[in-house]
Every structure is written in C-alpha cells, then in structure tokens.
N, C-alpha and C. Protein backbone atom coordinates (compact mmCIF):
# COMPACT_ATOMS: atom_id res chain seq x y z
N VAL A 1 -64.69 -7.01 48.55
CA VAL A 1 -66.05 -7.66 48.78
C VAL A 1 -65.81 -9.12 48.46
N LYS A 2 -66.09 -9.99 49.35
CA LYS A 2 -66.05 -11.46 48.99
C LYS A 2 -67.49 -12.03 49.18
N LEU A 3 -67.92 -12.49 48.01
CA LEU A 3 -69.34 -13.12 47.93
C LEU A 3 -69.38 -14.56 47.81
N VAL A 4 -68.13 -15.12 47.46
CA VAL A 4 -68.21 -16.46 47.01
C VAL A 4 -67.50 -17.43 47.94
N ASP A 5 -66.52 -16.99 48.69
CA ASP A 5 -65.68 -17.89 49.48
C ASP A 5 -66.50 -18.28 50.71
N ARG A 6 -66.41 -19.62 50.93
CA ARG A 6 -67.00 -20.27 52.19
C ARG A 6 -65.85 -20.94 52.93
N SER A 7 -66.12 -21.16 54.09
CA SER A 7 -65.06 -21.87 55.00
C SER A 7 -64.73 -23.24 54.38
N ASP A 8 -65.63 -23.89 53.79
CA ASP A 8 -65.35 -25.28 53.22
C ASP A 8 -64.95 -25.20 51.72
N GLY A 9 -64.62 -24.03 51.21
CA GLY A 9 -64.11 -23.77 49.92
C GLY A 9 -65.03 -24.01 48.82
N LYS A 10 -66.31 -24.34 49.05
CA LYS A 10 -67.42 -24.46 48.08
C LYS A 10 -67.91 -23.23 47.63
N ARG A 11 -68.53 -23.13 46.50
CA ARG A 11 -69.12 -21.91 46.00
C ARG A 11 -70.51 -21.67 46.57
N LEU A 12 -70.96 -20.49 46.73
CA LEU A 12 -72.19 -20.22 47.11
C LEU A 12 -73.17 -20.57 46.00
N SER A 13 -74.36 -20.81 46.32
CA SER A 13 -75.37 -21.08 45.19
C SER A 13 -76.55 -20.15 45.33
N LEU A 14 -76.33 -18.87 45.45
CA LEU A 14 -77.22 -17.83 45.54
C LEU A 14 -78.15 -17.79 44.38
N ARG A 15 -79.50 -17.59 44.55
CA ARG A 15 -80.44 -17.46 43.50
C ARG A 15 -80.76 -15.95 43.31
N GLY A 16 -80.69 -15.25 44.42
CA GLY A 16 -80.98 -13.81 44.27
C GLY A 16 -79.94 -12.97 45.04
N LEU A 17 -79.72 -11.76 44.52
CA LEU A 17 -78.77 -10.91 45.20
C LEU A 17 -79.20 -9.41 45.00
N GLY A 18 -79.22 -8.78 46.14
CA GLY A 18 -79.70 -7.38 46.20
C GLY A 18 -78.48 -6.57 46.72
N VAL A 19 -78.03 -5.73 45.95
CA VAL A 19 -76.95 -4.75 46.27
C VAL A 19 -77.46 -3.27 45.95
N SER A 20 -78.64 -2.95 46.55
CA SER A 20 -79.12 -1.66 46.14
C SER A 20 -78.85 -0.61 47.24
N TRP A 21 -79.24 0.61 47.04
CA TRP A 21 -79.13 1.79 47.84
C TRP A 21 -77.74 2.10 48.19
N GLY A 22 -76.97 2.26 47.20
CA GLY A 22 -75.68 2.81 47.32
C GLY A 22 -74.48 1.97 47.88
N ILE A 23 -74.79 0.66 47.99
CA ILE A 23 -73.72 -0.24 48.50
C ILE A 23 -72.93 -0.86 47.35
N TRP A 24 -73.32 -0.60 46.04
CA TRP A 24 -72.71 -1.20 44.92
C TRP A 24 -71.35 -0.69 44.73
N ASP A 25 -70.42 -1.46 44.38
CA ASP A 25 -69.05 -1.11 44.13
C ASP A 25 -68.57 -2.00 42.91
N PHE A 26 -68.14 -1.28 41.84
CA PHE A 26 -67.73 -2.05 40.61
C PHE A 26 -66.64 -3.06 40.81
N THR A 27 -65.93 -2.86 41.95
CA THR A 27 -64.87 -3.85 42.21
C THR A 27 -65.53 -5.21 42.58
N ALA A 28 -66.79 -5.22 43.01
CA ALA A 28 -67.49 -6.40 43.39
C ALA A 28 -67.95 -7.22 42.15
N TRP A 29 -67.82 -6.61 40.97
CA TRP A 29 -68.42 -7.29 39.76
C TRP A 29 -67.75 -8.54 39.50
N ASP A 30 -66.34 -8.73 39.73
CA ASP A 30 -65.79 -10.04 39.36
C ASP A 30 -66.32 -11.07 40.46
N GLU A 31 -66.64 -10.74 41.62
CA GLU A 31 -67.23 -11.67 42.63
C GLU A 31 -68.63 -12.09 42.13
N ILE A 32 -69.38 -11.11 41.71
CA ILE A 32 -70.77 -11.46 41.24
C ILE A 32 -70.76 -12.28 40.09
N LEU A 33 -69.85 -12.24 39.21
CA LEU A 33 -69.68 -13.03 38.04
C LEU A 33 -69.45 -14.50 38.35
N ARG A 34 -69.05 -14.74 39.58
CA ARG A 34 -68.88 -16.12 40.11
C ARG A 34 -70.14 -16.71 40.56
N LEU A 35 -71.23 -16.02 40.43
CA LEU A 35 -72.53 -16.52 40.91
C LEU A 35 -73.46 -16.79 39.65
N PRO A 36 -73.05 -17.61 38.78
CA PRO A 36 -73.86 -17.75 37.55
C PRO A 36 -75.26 -18.30 37.61
N GLY A 37 -75.63 -18.85 38.83
CA GLY A 37 -76.95 -19.37 38.95
C GLY A 37 -78.03 -18.25 39.50
N LEU A 38 -77.53 -17.07 39.50
CA LEU A 38 -78.52 -15.96 39.96
C LEU A 38 -79.79 -15.89 39.03
N THR A 39 -80.96 -15.73 39.65
CA THR A 39 -82.17 -15.61 38.91
C THR A 39 -82.69 -14.17 39.09
N HIS A 40 -82.24 -13.52 40.20
CA HIS A 40 -82.71 -12.13 40.52
C HIS A 40 -81.56 -11.31 40.90
N LEU A 41 -81.40 -10.14 40.28
CA LEU A 41 -80.24 -9.27 40.54
C LEU A 41 -80.85 -7.86 40.73
N ASP A 42 -80.58 -7.25 41.89
CA ASP A 42 -81.17 -5.99 42.22
C ASP A 42 -79.98 -4.98 42.38
N LEU A 43 -79.79 -4.04 41.44
CA LEU A 43 -78.73 -3.05 41.52
C LEU A 43 -79.36 -1.74 41.54
N ALA A 44 -80.60 -1.53 42.11
CA ALA A 44 -81.32 -0.26 42.18
C ALA A 44 -80.67 0.68 43.04
N SER A 45 -80.80 2.00 42.66
CA SER A 45 -80.33 3.09 43.51
C SER A 45 -78.82 3.10 43.77
N ASN A 46 -77.91 2.96 42.80
CA ASN A 46 -76.58 2.86 43.02
C ASN A 46 -75.69 3.82 42.18
N ASP A 47 -76.42 4.79 41.58
CA ASP A 47 -75.63 5.79 40.74
C ASP A 47 -74.94 5.03 39.55
N ILE A 48 -75.39 3.92 39.08
CA ILE A 48 -74.85 3.21 37.93
C ILE A 48 -75.12 3.97 36.60
N ASP A 49 -74.12 4.35 35.84
CA ASP A 49 -74.42 4.98 34.49
C ASP A 49 -74.20 3.98 33.43
N MET A 50 -73.62 2.85 33.63
CA MET A 50 -73.53 1.84 32.61
C MET A 50 -73.12 0.48 33.33
N LEU A 51 -73.51 -0.55 32.74
CA LEU A 51 -73.15 -1.87 33.34
C LEU A 51 -71.71 -2.33 32.94
N PRO A 52 -71.08 -2.89 33.90
CA PRO A 52 -69.74 -3.39 33.57
C PRO A 52 -69.95 -4.64 32.63
N PHE A 53 -69.05 -4.84 31.74
CA PHE A 53 -69.14 -6.06 30.94
C PHE A 53 -68.01 -6.85 31.11
N PRO A 54 -68.00 -8.20 30.96
CA PRO A 54 -69.17 -8.96 30.27
C PRO A 54 -70.35 -9.23 31.12
N CYS A 55 -71.46 -9.41 30.54
CA CYS A 55 -72.67 -9.61 31.29
C CYS A 55 -73.31 -10.94 30.70
N ASN A 56 -72.49 -11.90 30.31
CA ASN A 56 -73.01 -13.08 29.66
C ASN A 56 -72.92 -14.24 30.53
N HIS A 57 -72.66 -14.11 31.89
CA HIS A 57 -72.54 -15.16 32.75
C HIS A 57 -73.83 -15.64 33.40
N PHE A 58 -74.90 -14.85 33.21
CA PHE A 58 -76.11 -15.13 33.92
C PHE A 58 -77.19 -15.71 32.98
N LYS A 59 -77.02 -16.90 32.69
CA LYS A 59 -78.02 -17.59 31.73
C LYS A 59 -79.32 -17.81 32.47
N GLU A 60 -79.35 -17.91 33.72
CA GLU A 60 -80.64 -18.11 34.54
C GLU A 60 -81.43 -16.97 35.00
N LEU A 61 -80.72 -15.71 34.75
CA LEU A 61 -81.31 -14.47 35.29
C LEU A 61 -82.65 -14.17 34.70
N ARG A 62 -83.68 -13.97 35.64
CA ARG A 62 -85.05 -13.76 35.27
C ARG A 62 -85.47 -12.31 35.54
N ARG A 63 -84.89 -11.75 36.56
CA ARG A 63 -85.29 -10.41 36.95
C ARG A 63 -84.05 -9.52 37.24
N LEU A 64 -84.08 -8.38 36.55
CA LEU A 64 -82.88 -7.43 36.70
C LEU A 64 -83.59 -6.08 36.94
N ASP A 65 -83.09 -5.58 38.18
CA ASP A 65 -83.60 -4.24 38.57
C ASP A 65 -82.46 -3.20 38.57
N LEU A 66 -82.60 -2.27 37.60
CA LEU A 66 -81.62 -1.18 37.46
C LEU A 66 -82.26 0.14 37.68
N SER A 67 -83.40 0.17 38.34
CA SER A 67 -84.16 1.38 38.63
C SER A 67 -83.33 2.36 39.49
N CYS A 68 -83.64 3.59 39.38
CA CYS A 68 -83.13 4.66 40.33
C CYS A 68 -81.68 4.70 40.18
N ASN A 69 -81.06 4.69 38.99
CA ASN A 69 -79.62 4.86 38.71
C ASN A 69 -79.45 6.09 37.86
N ASP A 70 -78.31 6.20 37.20
CA ASP A 70 -77.95 7.33 36.38
C ASP A 70 -77.95 6.85 34.98
N LEU A 71 -78.70 5.93 34.51
CA LEU A 71 -78.67 5.46 33.09
C LEU A 71 -79.37 6.52 32.31
N GLN A 72 -78.68 6.89 31.18
CA GLN A 72 -79.34 7.92 30.33
C GLN A 72 -79.93 7.37 29.06
N TYR A 73 -79.28 6.37 28.48
CA TYR A 73 -79.87 5.74 27.29
C TYR A 73 -79.36 4.33 27.15
N TRP A 74 -80.13 3.56 26.33
CA TRP A 74 -79.62 2.23 25.96
C TRP A 74 -79.80 2.24 24.46
N SER A 75 -78.69 2.05 23.77
CA SER A 75 -78.77 2.01 22.24
C SER A 75 -77.95 0.95 21.78
N THR A 76 -77.59 1.13 20.46
CA THR A 76 -76.84 -0.08 19.88
C THR A 76 -75.27 0.30 19.99
N SER A 77 -75.02 1.48 20.69
CA SER A 77 -73.56 1.74 20.81
C SER A 77 -72.93 0.71 21.68
N ARG A 78 -71.65 0.65 21.65
CA ARG A 78 -70.85 -0.45 22.29
C ARG A 78 -71.04 -0.49 23.84
N GLN A 79 -71.08 0.65 24.45
CA GLN A 79 -71.16 0.79 25.90
C GLN A 79 -72.61 0.44 26.56
N TYR A 80 -73.54 0.74 25.76
CA TYR A 80 -74.86 0.77 26.34
C TYR A 80 -75.87 -0.09 25.63
N SER A 81 -75.42 -1.10 24.83
CA SER A 81 -76.21 -1.83 24.11
C SER A 81 -76.95 -2.91 24.81
N LEU A 82 -78.30 -2.90 24.70
CA LEU A 82 -79.15 -3.93 25.40
C LEU A 82 -78.93 -5.30 24.85
N ASP A 83 -78.49 -5.45 23.57
CA ASP A 83 -78.29 -6.74 23.09
C ASP A 83 -77.00 -7.38 23.69
N ARG A 84 -76.12 -6.62 24.33
CA ARG A 84 -75.03 -7.18 25.09
C ARG A 84 -75.40 -7.73 26.43
N LEU A 85 -76.66 -7.45 26.85
CA LEU A 85 -77.14 -8.12 28.09
C LEU A 85 -77.67 -9.55 27.67
N ASP A 86 -76.71 -10.50 27.69
CA ASP A 86 -77.06 -11.84 27.14
C ASP A 86 -77.69 -12.68 28.29
N PHE A 87 -78.95 -12.32 28.49
CA PHE A 87 -79.78 -13.04 29.62
C PHE A 87 -80.87 -13.73 28.83
N PRO A 88 -80.66 -14.88 28.37
CA PRO A 88 -81.74 -15.52 27.54
C PRO A 88 -83.04 -15.92 28.40
N ALA A 89 -82.93 -15.90 29.64
CA ALA A 89 -84.28 -16.16 30.38
C ALA A 89 -84.80 -14.95 31.03
N LEU A 90 -84.32 -13.82 30.75
CA LEU A 90 -84.83 -12.52 31.35
C LEU A 90 -86.32 -12.30 31.10
N GLU A 91 -87.03 -12.18 32.20
CA GLU A 91 -88.55 -12.00 32.19
C GLU A 91 -88.96 -10.57 32.67
N GLU A 92 -88.16 -10.00 33.48
CA GLU A 92 -88.55 -8.73 34.08
C GLU A 92 -87.36 -7.79 34.02
N LEU A 93 -87.44 -6.63 33.50
CA LEU A 93 -86.39 -5.66 33.36
C LEU A 93 -86.97 -4.30 33.81
N ASP A 94 -86.45 -3.80 34.90
CA ASP A 94 -86.80 -2.58 35.58
C ASP A 94 -85.75 -1.43 35.31
N LEU A 95 -86.11 -0.50 34.44
CA LEU A 95 -85.30 0.63 34.10
C LEU A 95 -85.92 2.02 34.57
N ALA A 96 -86.86 1.82 35.50
CA ALA A 96 -87.58 3.06 36.03
C ALA A 96 -86.70 4.04 36.69
N CYS A 97 -87.13 5.24 36.76
CA CYS A 97 -86.43 6.37 37.67
C CYS A 97 -84.94 6.47 37.30
N ASN A 98 -84.63 6.49 36.02
CA ASN A 98 -83.42 6.88 35.46
C ASN A 98 -83.60 8.23 34.71
N ASP A 99 -82.66 8.66 33.93
CA ASP A 99 -82.82 9.82 33.10
C ASP A 99 -82.79 9.37 31.65
N MET A 100 -83.41 8.29 31.40
CA MET A 100 -83.35 7.68 29.97
C MET A 100 -84.29 8.51 29.00
N GLY A 101 -83.78 8.86 27.92
CA GLY A 101 -84.46 9.46 26.89
C GLY A 101 -84.53 8.63 25.58
N LEU A 102 -83.69 7.64 25.65
CA LEU A 102 -83.58 6.81 24.42
C LEU A 102 -83.24 5.33 24.82
N VAL A 103 -84.18 4.45 24.38
CA VAL A 103 -84.05 3.06 24.46
C VAL A 103 -84.21 2.37 23.22
N ILE A 104 -83.26 1.56 22.80
CA ILE A 104 -83.44 0.78 21.55
C ILE A 104 -83.38 -0.72 21.93
N ILE A 105 -84.31 -1.49 21.54
CA ILE A 105 -84.29 -2.93 21.79
C ILE A 105 -84.08 -3.58 20.40
N PRO A 106 -82.77 -3.93 20.16
CA PRO A 106 -82.38 -4.48 18.85
C PRO A 106 -83.02 -5.90 18.63
N TYR A 107 -83.15 -6.26 17.40
CA TYR A 107 -83.76 -7.45 16.94
C TYR A 107 -83.14 -8.65 17.57
N LYS A 108 -81.73 -8.58 17.64
CA LYS A 108 -80.96 -9.68 18.07
C LYS A 108 -80.88 -9.79 19.57
N THR A 109 -81.51 -8.96 20.32
CA THR A 109 -81.54 -8.99 21.79
C THR A 109 -81.91 -10.48 22.32
N PRO A 110 -81.10 -11.10 23.08
CA PRO A 110 -81.36 -12.50 23.45
C PRO A 110 -82.69 -12.75 24.26
N TRP A 111 -83.08 -11.75 25.05
CA TRP A 111 -84.18 -11.88 25.88
C TRP A 111 -85.39 -11.30 25.27
N ARG A 112 -85.47 -10.87 24.06
CA ARG A 112 -86.62 -10.24 23.40
C ARG A 112 -87.76 -11.21 23.46
N ARG A 113 -87.64 -12.48 23.40
CA ARG A 113 -88.82 -13.38 23.41
C ARG A 113 -89.23 -13.82 24.81
N THR A 114 -88.38 -13.69 25.80
CA THR A 114 -88.72 -14.10 27.19
C THR A 114 -89.36 -12.99 28.01
N LEU A 115 -89.01 -11.72 27.59
CA LEU A 115 -89.38 -10.60 28.49
C LEU A 115 -90.91 -10.50 28.68
N ARG A 116 -91.40 -10.44 29.98
CA ARG A 116 -92.79 -10.35 30.28
C ARG A 116 -93.10 -9.01 30.86
N THR A 117 -92.22 -8.29 31.53
CA THR A 117 -92.39 -7.05 32.20
C THR A 117 -91.24 -6.14 31.91
N LEU A 118 -91.78 -4.88 31.38
CA LEU A 118 -90.73 -3.85 31.09
C LEU A 118 -91.21 -2.53 31.79
N ARG A 119 -90.42 -2.02 32.67
CA ARG A 119 -90.74 -0.80 33.44
C ARG A 119 -89.80 0.21 33.07
N LEU A 120 -90.44 1.34 32.47
CA LEU A 120 -89.73 2.46 31.94
C LEU A 120 -90.27 3.76 32.71
N ASP A 121 -90.83 3.64 33.86
CA ASP A 121 -91.51 4.76 34.47
C ASP A 121 -90.39 5.88 34.80
N SER A 122 -90.87 7.09 34.89
CA SER A 122 -90.09 8.24 35.45
C SER A 122 -88.73 8.38 34.73
N ASN A 123 -88.80 8.39 33.43
CA ASN A 123 -87.59 8.69 32.68
C ASN A 123 -87.90 10.03 31.86
N ALA A 124 -87.21 10.13 30.71
CA ALA A 124 -87.37 11.32 29.93
C ALA A 124 -88.01 11.10 28.57
N PHE A 125 -88.81 10.11 28.36
CA PHE A 125 -89.37 9.80 27.08
C PHE A 125 -90.37 10.88 26.70
N GLU A 126 -90.17 11.49 25.55
CA GLU A 126 -91.12 12.37 24.99
C GLU A 126 -91.98 11.81 23.77
N ASP A 127 -91.43 10.81 23.20
CA ASP A 127 -92.00 10.37 21.97
C ASP A 127 -91.83 8.78 21.86
N TRP A 128 -92.49 8.20 20.85
CA TRP A 128 -92.59 6.79 20.71
C TRP A 128 -92.54 6.49 19.27
N HIS A 129 -91.36 6.00 18.69
CA HIS A 129 -91.23 5.68 17.35
C HIS A 129 -90.73 4.22 17.15
N LEU A 130 -91.15 3.67 16.10
CA LEU A 130 -90.69 2.34 15.79
C LEU A 130 -89.72 2.26 14.67
N GLU A 131 -89.85 3.12 13.69
CA GLU A 131 -88.95 3.21 12.58
C GLU A 131 -87.89 4.32 12.73
N THR A 132 -88.38 5.55 12.86
CA THR A 132 -87.55 6.68 13.06
C THR A 132 -87.53 7.07 14.48
N TRP A 133 -86.52 7.66 14.87
CA TRP A 133 -86.31 8.09 16.31
C TRP A 133 -85.46 9.31 16.49
N GLY A 134 -85.75 9.98 17.62
CA GLY A 134 -85.02 11.09 17.97
C GLY A 134 -84.18 10.80 19.22
N SER A 135 -83.87 11.83 19.95
CA SER A 135 -83.01 11.52 21.17
C SER A 135 -83.85 11.23 22.39
N THR A 136 -85.09 11.39 22.39
CA THR A 136 -85.92 11.10 23.44
C THR A 136 -87.10 10.15 23.07
N SER A 137 -86.75 8.92 22.63
CA SER A 137 -87.80 7.92 22.27
C SER A 137 -87.34 6.63 22.66
N LEU A 138 -88.37 5.75 22.54
CA LEU A 138 -88.24 4.22 22.71
C LEU A 138 -88.35 3.73 21.38
N ARG A 139 -87.38 2.76 21.02
CA ARG A 139 -87.42 2.22 19.66
C ARG A 139 -87.33 0.67 19.81
N VAL A 140 -88.17 0.02 19.05
CA VAL A 140 -88.04 -1.42 18.91
C VAL A 140 -87.79 -1.76 17.45
N GLU A 141 -86.63 -2.31 17.14
CA GLU A 141 -86.23 -2.45 15.77
C GLU A 141 -86.86 -3.64 15.11
N SER A 142 -88.05 -3.28 14.66
CA SER A 142 -88.86 -4.43 13.85
C SER A 142 -88.93 -5.73 14.61
N ALA A 143 -88.71 -5.60 15.86
CA ALA A 143 -88.66 -6.92 16.69
C ALA A 143 -89.73 -6.94 17.69
N PRO A 144 -90.72 -7.62 17.55
CA PRO A 144 -91.84 -7.66 18.50
C PRO A 144 -91.28 -8.29 19.83
N LEU A 145 -91.96 -7.89 20.84
CA LEU A 145 -91.74 -8.52 22.22
C LEU A 145 -92.92 -9.39 22.37
N PRO A 146 -92.90 -10.64 21.77
CA PRO A 146 -94.12 -11.41 21.70
C PRO A 146 -94.63 -11.86 23.06
N ASN A 147 -94.00 -11.82 24.16
CA ASN A 147 -94.56 -12.35 25.46
C ASN A 147 -94.77 -11.18 26.49
N LEU A 148 -94.42 -9.99 26.04
CA LEU A 148 -94.50 -8.82 26.98
C LEU A 148 -95.97 -8.64 27.46
N ARG A 149 -96.12 -8.79 28.74
CA ARG A 149 -97.56 -8.71 29.35
C ARG A 149 -97.64 -7.36 30.04
N VAL A 150 -96.61 -6.78 30.58
CA VAL A 150 -96.75 -5.54 31.39
C VAL A 150 -95.69 -4.44 30.74
N LEU A 151 -96.22 -3.32 30.44
CA LEU A 151 -95.38 -2.23 29.98
C LEU A 151 -95.87 -0.99 30.73
N SER A 152 -94.83 -0.41 31.50
CA SER A 152 -95.11 0.69 32.40
C SER A 152 -94.32 1.89 31.95
N LEU A 153 -94.96 2.91 31.45
CA LEU A 153 -94.46 4.13 30.91
C LEU A 153 -94.85 5.37 31.72
N SER A 154 -95.33 5.15 32.88
CA SER A 154 -95.79 6.30 33.63
C SER A 154 -94.77 7.35 33.94
N ALA A 155 -95.25 8.61 34.14
CA ALA A 155 -94.40 9.69 34.51
C ALA A 155 -93.22 10.07 33.57
N ASN A 156 -93.53 9.93 32.34
CA ASN A 156 -92.69 10.36 31.25
C ASN A 156 -93.28 11.65 30.59
N GLN A 157 -92.92 12.10 29.48
CA GLN A 157 -93.41 13.14 28.78
C GLN A 157 -94.11 12.79 27.48
N LEU A 158 -94.63 11.54 27.44
CA LEU A 158 -95.27 11.03 26.17
C LEU A 158 -96.57 11.88 25.93
N GLN A 159 -96.73 12.38 24.70
CA GLN A 159 -97.78 13.21 24.31
C GLN A 159 -98.73 12.38 23.32
N HIS A 160 -98.18 11.37 22.79
CA HIS A 160 -99.07 10.58 21.76
C HIS A 160 -99.22 9.12 22.35
N THR A 161 -100.24 8.48 21.88
CA THR A 161 -100.39 7.03 22.19
C THR A 161 -99.45 6.25 21.42
N PRO A 162 -98.70 5.36 22.16
CA PRO A 162 -97.70 4.42 21.50
C PRO A 162 -98.47 3.48 20.59
N ARG A 163 -97.76 3.13 19.44
CA ARG A 163 -98.25 2.02 18.67
C ARG A 163 -97.89 0.72 19.34
N LEU A 164 -98.80 -0.17 19.58
CA LEU A 164 -98.51 -1.42 20.34
C LEU A 164 -98.49 -2.63 19.55
N GLY A 165 -98.39 -2.59 18.22
CA GLY A 165 -98.42 -3.80 17.38
C GLY A 165 -97.35 -4.72 17.72
N TRP A 166 -96.23 -4.33 18.25
CA TRP A 166 -95.07 -5.18 18.57
C TRP A 166 -95.23 -5.81 19.99
N THR A 167 -96.39 -5.69 20.57
CA THR A 167 -96.64 -6.33 21.94
C THR A 167 -97.97 -7.10 21.88
N PRO A 168 -98.00 -8.12 21.08
CA PRO A 168 -99.33 -8.86 20.84
C PRO A 168 -99.88 -9.48 22.11
N ALA A 169 -99.09 -9.67 23.20
CA ALA A 169 -99.56 -10.32 24.45
C ALA A 169 -99.79 -9.38 25.58
N LEU A 170 -99.67 -8.06 25.36
CA LEU A 170 -99.80 -7.09 26.30
C LEU A 170 -101.10 -7.13 27.04
N GLU A 171 -101.03 -7.17 28.42
CA GLU A 171 -102.30 -7.23 29.28
C GLU A 171 -102.42 -6.01 30.10
N GLU A 172 -101.24 -5.34 30.38
CA GLU A 172 -101.29 -4.18 31.28
C GLU A 172 -100.43 -3.04 30.85
N LEU A 173 -100.96 -1.90 30.66
CA LEU A 173 -100.21 -0.72 30.11
C LEU A 173 -100.45 0.41 31.00
N ASP A 174 -99.45 1.11 31.51
CA ASP A 174 -99.45 2.28 32.40
C ASP A 174 -98.97 3.40 31.69
N LEU A 175 -99.76 4.38 31.36
CA LEU A 175 -99.35 5.63 30.77
C LEU A 175 -99.81 6.79 31.65
N SER A 176 -99.98 6.52 32.84
CA SER A 176 -100.35 7.68 33.84
C SER A 176 -99.30 8.62 33.94
N ALA A 177 -99.68 9.88 34.34
CA ALA A 177 -98.71 10.93 34.59
C ALA A 177 -97.89 11.35 33.22
N ASN A 178 -98.55 11.11 32.17
CA ASN A 178 -98.01 11.66 30.93
C ASN A 178 -98.92 12.63 30.43
N PRO A 179 -98.55 13.60 29.63
CA PRO A 179 -99.42 14.65 29.02
C PRO A 179 -100.18 14.28 27.79
N ILE A 180 -100.65 12.98 27.86
CA ILE A 180 -101.44 12.45 26.69
C ILE A 180 -102.98 12.94 26.84
N ARG A 181 -103.47 13.43 25.79
CA ARG A 181 -104.85 13.77 25.84
C ARG A 181 -105.65 12.60 25.53
N CYS A 182 -106.70 12.47 26.26
CA CYS A 182 -107.65 11.35 26.05
C CYS A 182 -108.54 11.71 24.77
N ASN A 183 -108.40 11.01 23.70
CA ASN A 183 -109.16 11.28 22.54
C ASN A 183 -109.53 9.97 21.94
N HIS A 184 -110.27 10.09 20.74
CA HIS A 184 -110.70 8.88 20.20
C HIS A 184 -109.54 7.99 19.74
N HIS A 185 -108.44 8.58 19.25
CA HIS A 185 -107.32 7.76 18.83
C HIS A 185 -106.73 6.82 19.98
N LEU A 186 -106.73 7.42 21.15
CA LEU A 186 -106.23 6.66 22.34
C LEU A 186 -107.27 5.51 22.61
N LEU A 187 -108.64 5.88 22.64
CA LEU A 187 -109.50 4.83 22.89
C LEU A 187 -109.46 3.77 21.77
N LEU A 188 -109.27 4.06 20.50
CA LEU A 188 -109.09 3.02 19.40
C LEU A 188 -107.96 2.19 19.70
N ALA A 189 -106.81 2.79 19.99
CA ALA A 189 -105.54 1.98 20.31
C ALA A 189 -105.77 1.02 21.44
N LEU A 190 -106.47 1.48 22.46
CA LEU A 190 -106.59 0.63 23.63
C LEU A 190 -107.69 -0.46 23.34
N ARG A 191 -108.63 -0.24 22.49
CA ARG A 191 -109.58 -1.30 22.13
C ARG A 191 -108.92 -2.42 21.32
N ARG A 192 -107.77 -2.14 20.68
CA ARG A 192 -107.02 -3.19 19.89
C ARG A 192 -106.27 -4.09 20.79
N LEU A 193 -106.09 -3.73 22.10
CA LEU A 193 -105.32 -4.58 22.95
C LEU A 193 -106.04 -5.85 23.33
C-alpha cells in the first residue's frame, strides 16, 4: 500500500483518512505514519485488537474512530495503554462496538484535557468505578476530563448511575439500553449535571 508517493515526489498533505470496513492492513501503518498532518483517522470495522506502535506521529489528530473492532480493554499495560496514544489535540475518541470491559484513562494521558467526545457504546461494561475496579469497568485515575461534553455509554450492562464528578463540562450523557433502574439516586445525579 502506497499512500504517500506522488509523481512529483512530494508528500501528500491529507487531513483525513478512512480505512474502515476490512481494508486495514498493518503493513500500511508505516505509510500512514508518513502523514503527520492527519486530523481525522477512521479505522472502524477492521478486526483490530490493538494499535500498532508508535502512535506519537499525529500531533494534529482530532478524531480517532476505532469502533467495531476487536478491542477488549485499554489499561496501563504496555500493549493497550491509552496514555501511549500521544495525540495532544484529540477531541473525539470512538471505541463503540468493541468487546471492551475495561478502560483506564491514566492521569498522564496527553489528550485528557482536549477530549470533548467519548463513545463507549455497545461494549461489555458492567460497572463504573473511579478508585477500585474489576475486570468490567471504566476507570479514570483521579484525572478529570475537564472538557468532556459528550459521554455515550449506551448498550452496555451498567446497573448503577456513574459518578460524574470527573466530567465538569458534561452536556450530553447517553445511558440508554443499560439495565439501570430509574430511581431517585439517578435523578439526583442527573440534576448535578
């Protein structure tokens, strides 16, 4: 796969690249790394179970779509660590429709302050913990996402209302298709938004 070569020998200056629906090939990663000006990268529906590294070439990347892949968890382990996604301008991260049961957003994550939209729909989350966590939870390590506006957690297995103190700018929350009972705790939590 050649994405960069042109007949005049100059580099392409692509801003967006979509390689979704099964056309992704990890051998193309070296070519994609030669496109440091990307602002949008769509890798949806490619059976990706982990990102190839290094991922620090995309300093301008604002939107990353990894939905409908085979990602199972993002933690602080070497292979799956979100803080290794060194995208300081990232505003939208789509991890929907994977089989993720664990997501850890470490304090040192470079895009923690720029993230505006986080989509975690149709995964395997059963619970929501900020300090302690099990194998099927979302964890934010004492690190607020101060500019997160949209959080989508629909179609998981959440049974309790998530604590949202780490998302002070939240404007839109989708908890649909979860087995959460509507009770006064839920209504009090939503009133605080």
